Amino acid sequence: MVCKRCDTTLLPSITSTHRIKSMPVTTIITTCKVCKAKKRFAFHDKDYVLFNDKAAIHDEQNDTREPSLDSNTC
């Protein structure tokens, strides 16, 4: 990750600190040690799957690709 305020690469324990807070929603708070900027990441759904990790998306993309051209069919 990169700090949006000072463009420093955020490395855990070197250039940033990470805290887990159990607020109404579990939140990870990342603090930049250079400029002291804070970024919050909230976790709402434990069963959330990233768009790119969904199997149905990969199947659709594989079906819609154009067939490759053979070098012998010119």
PDB file of N, CA and C in Angstrom:
ATOM      1  N   MET A   1       0.841  -1.175   0.000  1.00  0.00           N
ATOM      2  CA  MET A   1       0.000   0.000   0.000  1.00  0.00           C
ATOM      3  C   MET A   1       0.885   1.237   0.000  1.00  0.00           C
ATOM      4  N   VAL A   2       0.297   2.326  -0.437  1.00  0.00           N
ATOM      5  CA  VAL A   2       0.991   3.610  -0.487  1.00  0.00           C
ATOM      6  C   VAL A   2       0.136   4.640   0.240  1.00  0.00           C
ATOM      7  N   CYS A   3       0.774   5.471   1.036  1.00  0.00           N
ATOM      8  CA  CYS A   3       0.073   6.545   1.733  1.00  0.00           C
ATOM      9  C   CYS A   3      -0.396   7.568   0.704  1.00  0.00           C
ATOM     10  N   LYS A   4      -1.670   7.913   0.744  1.00  0.00           N
ATOM     11  CA  LYS A   4      -2.218   8.885  -0.208  1.00  0.00           C
ATOM     12  C   LYS A   4      -1.779  10.307   0.100  1.00  0.00           C
ATOM     13  N   ARG A   5      -1.329  10.543   1.305  1.00  0.00           N
ATOM     14  CA  ARG A   5      -0.956  11.900   1.700  1.00  0.00           C
ATOM     15  C   ARG A   5       0.502  12.229   1.373  1.00  0.00           C
ATOM     16  N   CYS A   6       1.423  11.276   1.640  1.00  0.00           N
ATOM     17  CA  CYS A   6       2.849  11.574   1.429  1.00  0.00           C
ATOM     18  C   CYS A   6       3.528  10.619   0.446  1.00  0.00           C
ATOM     19  N   ASP A   7       2.787   9.700  -0.158  1.00  0.00           N
ATOM     20  CA  ASP A   7       3.290   8.745  -1.158  1.00  0.00           C
ATOM     21  C   ASP A   7       4.389   7.821  -0.635  1.00  0.00           C
ATOM     22  N   THR A   8       4.398   7.544   0.649  1.00  0.00           N
ATOM     23  CA  THR A   8       5.357   6.617   1.235  1.00  0.00           C
ATOM     24  C   THR A   8       4.810   5.200   1.127  1.00  0.00           C
ATOM     25  N   THR A   9       5.665   4.248   0.796  1.00  0.00           N
ATOM     26  CA  THR A   9       5.250   2.849   0.789  1.00  0.00           C
ATOM     27  C   THR A   9       5.011   2.414   2.227  1.00  0.00           C
ATOM     28  N   LEU A  10       3.834   1.864   2.496  1.00  0.00           N
ATOM     29  CA  LEU A  10       3.465   1.488   3.858  1.00  0.00           C
ATOM     30  C   LEU A  10       3.865   0.043   4.125  1.00  0.00           C
ATOM     31  N   LEU A  11       4.932  -0.126   4.878  1.00  0.00           N
ATOM     32  CA  LEU A  11       5.414  -1.438   5.278  1.00  0.00           C
ATOM     33  C   LEU A  11       5.103  -1.624   6.756  1.00  0.00           C
ATOM     34  N   PRO A  12       4.433  -2.719   7.118  1.00  0.00           N
ATOM     35  CA  PRO A  12       4.077  -2.934   8.517  1.00  0.00           C
ATOM     36  C   PRO A  12       5.297  -2.889   9.436  1.00  0.00           C
ATOM     37  N   SER A  13       5.183  -2.159  10.522  1.00  0.00           N
ATOM     38  CA  SER A  13       6.202  -1.992  11.568  1.00  0.00           C
ATOM     39  C   SER A  13       7.408  -1.169  11.136  1.00  0.00           C
ATOM     40  N   ILE A  14       7.524  -0.818   9.873  1.00  0.00           N
ATOM     41  CA  ILE A  14       8.652  -0.006   9.419  1.00  0.00           C
ATOM     42  C   ILE A  14       8.174   1.413   9.134  1.00  0.00           C
ATOM     43  N   THR A  15       7.225   1.559   8.227  1.00  0.00           N
ATOM     44  CA  THR A  15       6.704   2.885   7.895  1.00  0.00           C
ATOM     45  C   THR A  15       5.238   3.042   8.276  1.00  0.00           C
ATOM     46  N   SER A  16       4.627   2.000   8.857  1.00  0.00           N
ATOM     47  CA  SER A  16       3.220   2.114   9.254  1.00  0.00           C
ATOM     48  C   SER A  16       2.931   1.212  10.441  1.00  0.00           C
ATOM     49  N   THR A  17       1.845   1.532  11.123  1.00  0.00           N
ATOM     50  CA  THR A  17       1.349   0.675  12.198  1.00  0.00           C
ATOM     51  C   THR A  17      -0.058   0.238  11.828  1.00  0.00           C
ATOM     52  N   HIS A  18      -0.446  -0.932  12.306  1.00  0.00           N
ATOM     53  CA  HIS A  18      -1.769  -1.476  12.025  1.00  0.00           C
ATOM     54  C   HIS A  18      -2.426  -1.841  13.344  1.00  0.00           C
ATOM     55  N   ARG A  19      -3.641  -1.373  13.539  1.00  0.00           N
ATOM     56  CA  ARG A  19      -4.410  -1.658  14.745  1.00  0.00           C
ATOM     57  C   ARG A  19      -5.758  -2.231  14.332  1.00  0.00           C
ATOM     58  N   ILE A  20      -6.231  -3.205  15.096  1.00  0.00           N
ATOM     59  CA  ILE A  20      -7.554  -3.779  14.869  1.00  0.00           C
ATOM     60  C   ILE A  20      -8.458  -3.278  15.977  1.00  0.00           C
ATOM     61  N   LYS A  21      -9.550  -2.635  15.598  1.00  0.00           N
ATOM     62  CA  LYS A  21     -10.524  -2.111  16.560  1.00  0.00           C
ATOM     63  C   LYS A  21     -11.826  -2.874  16.393  1.00  0.00           C
ATOM     64  N   SER A  22     -12.424  -3.260  17.509  1.00  0.00           N
ATOM     65  CA  SER A  22     -13.722  -3.914  17.484  1.00  0.00           C
ATOM     66  C   SER A  22     -14.787  -2.882  17.792  1.00  0.00           C
ATOM     67  N   MET A  23     -15.050  -2.042  16.846  1.00  0.00           N
ATOM     68  CA  MET A  23     -16.118  -1.048  16.962  1.00  0.00           C
ATOM     69  C   MET A  23     -17.417  -1.773  16.636  1.00  0.00           C
ATOM     70  N   PRO A  24     -18.481  -1.073  16.316  1.00  0.00           N
ATOM     71  CA  PRO A  24     -19.663  -1.803  15.853  1.00  0.00           C
ATOM     72  C   PRO A  24     -19.333  -2.705  14.659  1.00  0.00           C
ATOM     73  N   VAL A  25     -18.330  -2.296  13.872  1.00  0.00           N
ATOM     74  CA  VAL A  25     -17.840  -3.105  12.759  1.00  0.00           C
ATOM     75  C   VAL A  25     -16.337  -3.264  12.966  1.00  0.00           C
ATOM     76  N   THR A  26     -15.812  -4.466  12.776  1.00  0.00           N
ATOM     77  CA  THR A  26     -14.376  -4.681  12.922  1.00  0.00           C
ATOM     78  C   THR A  26     -13.638  -3.838  11.897  1.00  0.00           C
ATOM     79  N   THR A  27     -12.634  -3.087  12.352  1.00  0.00           N
ATOM     80  CA  THR A  27     -11.932  -2.130  11.504  1.00  0.00           C
ATOM     81  C   THR A  27     -10.429  -2.265  11.697  1.00  0.00           C
ATOM     82  N   ILE A  28      -9.674  -2.227  10.591  1.00  0.00           N
ATOM     83  CA  ILE A  28      -8.218  -2.155  10.656  1.00  0.00           C
ATOM     84  C   ILE A  28      -7.831  -0.714  10.385  1.00  0.00           C
ATOM     85  N   ILE A  29      -7.061  -0.128  11.297  1.00  0.00           N
ATOM     86  CA  ILE A  29      -6.613   1.252  11.146  1.00  0.00           C
ATOM     87  C   ILE A  29      -5.121   1.228  10.831  1.00  0.00           C
ATOM     88  N   THR A  30      -4.755   1.726   9.660  1.00  0.00           N
ATOM     89  CA  THR A  30      -3.362   1.812   9.240  1.00  0.00           C
ATOM     90  C   THR A  30      -2.918   3.252   9.405  1.00  0.00           C
ATOM     91  N   THR A  31      -1.814   3.464  10.142  1.00  0.00           N
ATOM     92  CA  THR A  31      -1.290   4.807  10.385  1.00  0.00           C
ATOM     93  C   THR A  31       0.095   4.923   9.768  1.00  0.00           C
ATOM     94  N   CYS A  32       0.292   5.943   8.944  1.00  0.00           N
ATOM     95  CA  CYS A  32       1.593   6.229   8.344  1.00  0.00           C
ATOM     96  C   CYS A  32       2.482   6.847   9.419  1.00  0.00           C
ATOM     97  N   LYS A  33       3.695   6.326   9.595  1.00  0.00           N
ATOM     98  CA  LYS A  33       4.614   6.864  10.605  1.00  0.00           C
ATOM     99  C   LYS A  33       5.299   8.144  10.136  1.00  0.00           C
ATOM    100  N   VAL A  34       5.259   8.432   8.841  1.00  0.00           N
ATOM    101  CA  VAL A  34       5.917   9.622   8.303  1.00  0.00           C
ATOM    102  C   VAL A  34       5.038  10.849   8.501  1.00  0.00           C
ATOM    103  N   CYS A  35       3.782  10.789   8.027  1.00  0.00           N
ATOM    104  CA  CYS A  35       2.909  11.969   8.080  1.00  0.00           C
ATOM    105  C   CYS A  35       1.749  11.815   9.064  1.00  0.00           C
ATOM    106  N   LYS A  36       1.637  10.654   9.708  1.00  0.00           N
ATOM    107  CA  LYS A  36       0.594  10.371  10.709  1.00  0.00           C
ATOM    108  C   LYS A  36      -0.818  10.293  10.118  1.00  0.00           C
ATOM    109  N   ALA A  37      -0.931  10.098   8.811  1.00  0.00           N
ATOM    110  CA  ALA A  37      -2.248   9.942   8.188  1.00  0.00           C
ATOM    111  C   ALA A  37      -2.816   8.575   8.557  1.00  0.00           C
ATOM    112  N   LYS A  38      -4.138   8.497   8.719  1.00  0.00           N
ATOM    113  CA  LYS A  38      -4.796   7.250   9.088  1.00  0.00           C
ATOM    114  C   LYS A  38      -5.755   6.824   7.991  1.00  0.00           C
ATOM    115  N   LYS A  39      -5.798   5.526   7.750  1.00  0.00           N
ATOM    116  CA  LYS A  39      -6.721   4.949   6.779  1.00  0.00           C
ATOM    117  C   LYS A  39      -7.451   3.816   7.462  1.00  0.00           C
ATOM    118  N   ARG A  40      -8.782   3.774   7.323  1.00  0.00           N
ATOM    119  CA  ARG A  40      -9.598   2.762   7.967  1.00  0.00           C
ATOM    120  C   ARG A  40     -10.157   1.797   6.928  1.00  0.00           C
ATOM    121  N   PHE A  41     -10.085   0.500   7.245  1.00  0.00           N
ATOM    122  CA  PHE A  41     -10.653  -0.546   6.406  1.00  0.00           C
ATOM    123  C   PHE A  41     -11.638  -1.322   7.262  1.00  0.00           C
ATOM    124  N   ALA A  42     -12.913  -1.259   6.920  1.00  0.00           N
ATOM    125  CA  ALA A  42     -13.959  -1.929   7.691  1.00  0.00           C
ATOM    126  C   ALA A  42     -14.306  -3.273   7.045  1.00  0.00           C
ATOM    127  N   PHE A  43     -14.625  -4.237   7.900  1.00  0.00           N
ATOM    128  CA  PHE A  43     -15.022  -5.559   7.438  1.00  0.00           C
ATOM    129  C   PHE A  43     -16.476  -5.786   7.815  1.00  0.00           C
ATOM    130  N   HIS A  44     -17.355  -5.794   6.816  1.00  0.00           N
ATOM    131  CA  HIS A  44     -18.781  -5.972   7.062  1.00  0.00           C
ATOM    132  C   HIS A  44     -19.203  -7.425   6.869  1.00  0.00           C
ATOM    133  N   ASP A  45     -18.777  -8.024   5.769  1.00  0.00           N
ATOM    134  CA  ASP A  45     -19.240  -9.351   5.391  1.00  0.00           C
ATOM    135  C   ASP A  45     -18.064 -10.322   5.407  1.00  0.00           C
ATOM    136  N   LYS A  46     -18.101 -11.304   6.290  1.00  0.00           N
ATOM    137  CA  LYS A  46     -16.999 -12.263   6.391  1.00  0.00           C
ATOM    138  C   LYS A  46     -16.952 -13.215   5.199  1.00  0.00           C
ATOM    139  N   ASP A  47     -18.079 -13.412   4.514  1.00  0.00           N
ATOM    140  CA  ASP A  47     -18.136 -14.336   3.385  1.00  0.00           C
ATOM    141  C   ASP A  47     -17.949 -13.633   2.050  1.00  0.00           C
ATOM    142  N   TYR A  48     -17.478 -12.394   2.059  1.00  0.00           N
ATOM    143  CA  TYR A  48     -17.302 -11.621   0.834  1.00  0.00           C
ATOM    144  C   TYR A  48     -16.228 -12.256  -0.047  1.00  0.00           C
ATOM    145  N   VAL A  49     -16.525 -12.336  -1.347  1.00  0.00           N
ATOM    146  CA  VAL A  49     -15.584 -12.878  -2.321  1.00  0.00           C
ATOM    147  C   VAL A  49     -15.269 -11.775  -3.318  1.00  0.00           C
ATOM    148  N   LEU A  50     -13.988 -11.559  -3.589  1.00  0.00           N
ATOM    149  CA  LEU A  50     -13.599 -10.548  -4.558  1.00  0.00           C
ATOM    150  C   LEU A  50     -14.160 -10.873  -5.930  1.00  0.00           C
ATOM    151  N   PHE A  51     -14.424  -9.843  -6.726  1.00  0.00           N
ATOM    152  CA  PHE A  51     -14.990 -10.015  -8.054  1.00  0.00           C
ATOM    153  C   PHE A  51     -14.111 -10.928  -8.903  1.00  0.00           C
ATOM    154  N   ASN A  52     -12.804 -10.745  -8.842  1.00  0.00           N
ATOM    155  CA  ASN A  52     -11.893 -11.549  -9.659  1.00  0.00           C
ATOM    156  C   ASN A  52     -11.799 -12.993  -9.197  1.00  0.00           C
ATOM    157  N   ASP A  53     -12.193 -13.280  -7.971  1.00  0.00           N
ATOM    158  CA  ASP A  53     -12.111 -14.637  -7.444  1.00  0.00           C
ATOM    159  C   ASP A  53     -13.374 -15.454  -7.692  1.00  0.00           C
ATOM    160  N   LYS A  54     -14.401 -14.854  -8.236  1.00  0.00           N
ATOM    161  CA  LYS A  54     -15.643 -15.572  -8.495  1.00  0.00           C
ATOM    162  C   LYS A  54     -15.460 -16.492  -9.696  1.00  0.00           C
ATOM    163  N   ALA A  55     -15.818 -17.765  -9.539  1.00  0.00           N
ATOM    164  CA  ALA A  55     -15.627 -18.758 -10.596  1.00  0.00           C
ATOM    165  C   ALA A  55     -16.509 -18.467 -11.804  1.00  0.00           C
ATOM    166  N   ALA A  56     -17.713 -17.972 -11.603  1.00  0.00           N
ATOM    167  CA  ALA A  56     -18.622 -17.708 -12.719  1.00  0.00           C
ATOM    168  C   ALA A  56     -18.060 -16.651 -13.658  1.00  0.00           C
ATOM    169  N   ILE A  57     -17.364 -15.676 -13.140  1.00  0.00           N
ATOM    170  CA  ILE A  57     -16.781 -14.622 -13.964  1.00  0.00           C
ATOM    171  C   ILE A  57     -15.700 -15.200 -14.860  1.00  0.00           C
ATOM    172  N   HIS A  58     -14.860 -16.078 -14.327  1.00  0.00           N
ATOM    173  CA  HIS A  58     -13.789 -16.676 -15.117  1.00  0.00           C
ATOM    174  C   HIS A  58     -14.358 -17.563 -16.219  1.00  0.00           C
ATOM    175  N   ASP A  59     -15.453 -18.280 -15.933  1.00  0.00           N
ATOM    176  CA  ASP A  59     -16.071 -19.135 -16.941  1.00  0.00           C
ATOM    177  C   ASP A  59     -16.628 -18.305 -18.089  1.00  0.00           C
ATOM    178  N   GLU A  60     -17.272 -17.178 -17.772  1.00  0.00           N
ATOM    179  CA  GLU A  60     -17.826 -16.315 -18.816  1.00  0.00           C
ATOM    180  C   GLU A  60     -16.729 -15.712 -19.675  1.00  0.00           C
ATOM    181  N   GLN A  61     -15.629 -15.303 -19.061  1.00  0.00           N
ATOM    182  CA  GLN A  61     -14.537 -14.701 -19.818  1.00  0.00           C
ATOM    183  C   GLN A  61     -13.890 -15.716 -20.742  1.00  0.00           C
ATOM    184  N   ASN A  62     -13.773 -16.955 -20.313  1.00  0.00           N
ATOM    185  CA  ASN A  62     -13.176 -17.985 -21.153  1.00  0.00           C
ATOM    186  C   ASN A  62     -14.075 -18.333 -22.327  1.00  0.00           C
ATOM    187  N   ASP A  63     -15.395 -18.273 -22.148  1.00  0.00           N
ATOM    188  CA  ASP A  63     -16.331 -18.596 -23.221  1.00  0.00           C
ATOM    189  C   ASP A  63     -16.400 -17.504 -24.273  1.00  0.00           C
ATOM    190  N   THR A  64     -16.175 -16.251 -23.906  1.00  0.00           N
ATOM    191  CA  THR A  64     -16.345 -15.143 -24.844  1.00  0.00           C
ATOM    192  C   THR A  64     -15.074 -14.773 -25.589  1.00  0.00           C
ATOM    193  N   ARG A  65     -13.976 -15.411 -25.305  1.00  0.00           N
ATOM    194  CA  ARG A  65     -12.733 -15.085 -26.001  1.00  0.00           C
ATOM    195  C   ARG A  65     -12.788 -15.580 -27.436  1.00  0.00           C
ATOM    196  N   GLU A  66     -12.165 -14.823 -28.305  1.00  0.00           N
ATOM    197  CA  GLU A  66     -12.122 -15.215 -29.702  1.00  0.00           C
ATOM    198  C   GLU A  66     -11.142 -16.363 -29.871  1.00  0.00           C
ATOM    199  N   PRO A  67     -11.458 -17.299 -30.770  1.00  0.00           N
ATOM    200  CA  PRO A  67     -10.529 -18.405 -30.992  1.00  0.00           C
ATOM    201  C   PRO A  67      -9.233 -17.890 -31.612  1.00  0.00           C
ATOM    202  N   SER A  68      -8.133 -18.517 -31.250  1.00  0.00           N
ATOM    203  CA  SER A  68      -6.847 -18.087 -31.790  1.00  0.00           C
ATOM    204  C   SER A  68      -6.720 -18.540 -33.239  1.00  0.00           C
ATOM    205  N   LEU A  69      -6.037 -17.752 -34.025  1.00  0.00           N
ATOM    206  CA  LEU A  69      -5.846 -18.059 -35.434  1.00  0.00           C
ATOM    207  C   LEU A  69      -4.627 -18.951 -35.605  1.00  0.00           C
ATOM    208  N   ASP A  70      -4.786 -19.991 -36.418  1.00  0.00           N
ATOM    209  CA  ASP A  70      -3.651 -20.860 -36.720  1.00  0.00           C
ATOM    210  C   ASP A  70      -2.790 -20.202 -37.780  1.00  0.00           C
ATOM    211  N   SER A  71      -1.517 -20.470 -37.767  1.00  0.00           N
ATOM    212  CA  SER A  71      -0.621 -19.886 -38.766  1.00  0.00           C
ATOM    213  C   SER A  71      -0.817 -20.521 -40.135  1.00  0.00           C
ATOM    214  N   ASN A  72      -1.481 -21.681 -40.213  1.00  0.00           N
ATOM    215  CA  ASN A  72      -1.693 -22.377 -41.484  1.00  0.00           C
ATOM    216  C   ASN A  72      -2.959 -21.933 -42.200  1.00  0.00           C
ATOM    217  N   THR A  73      -3.808 -21.142 -41.597  1.00  0.00           N
ATOM    218  CA  THR A  73      -5.103 -20.782 -42.187  1.00  0.00           C
ATOM    219  C   THR A  73      -5.107 -19.383 -42.772  1.00  0.00           C
ATOM    220  N   CYS A  74      -4.081 -18.965 -43.445  1.00  0.00           N
ATOM    221  CA  CYS A  74      -4.044 -17.623 -44.024  1.00  0.00           C
ATOM    222  C   CYS A  74      -4.556 -17.594 -45.410  1.00  0.00           C
TER     223      CYS A  74
END
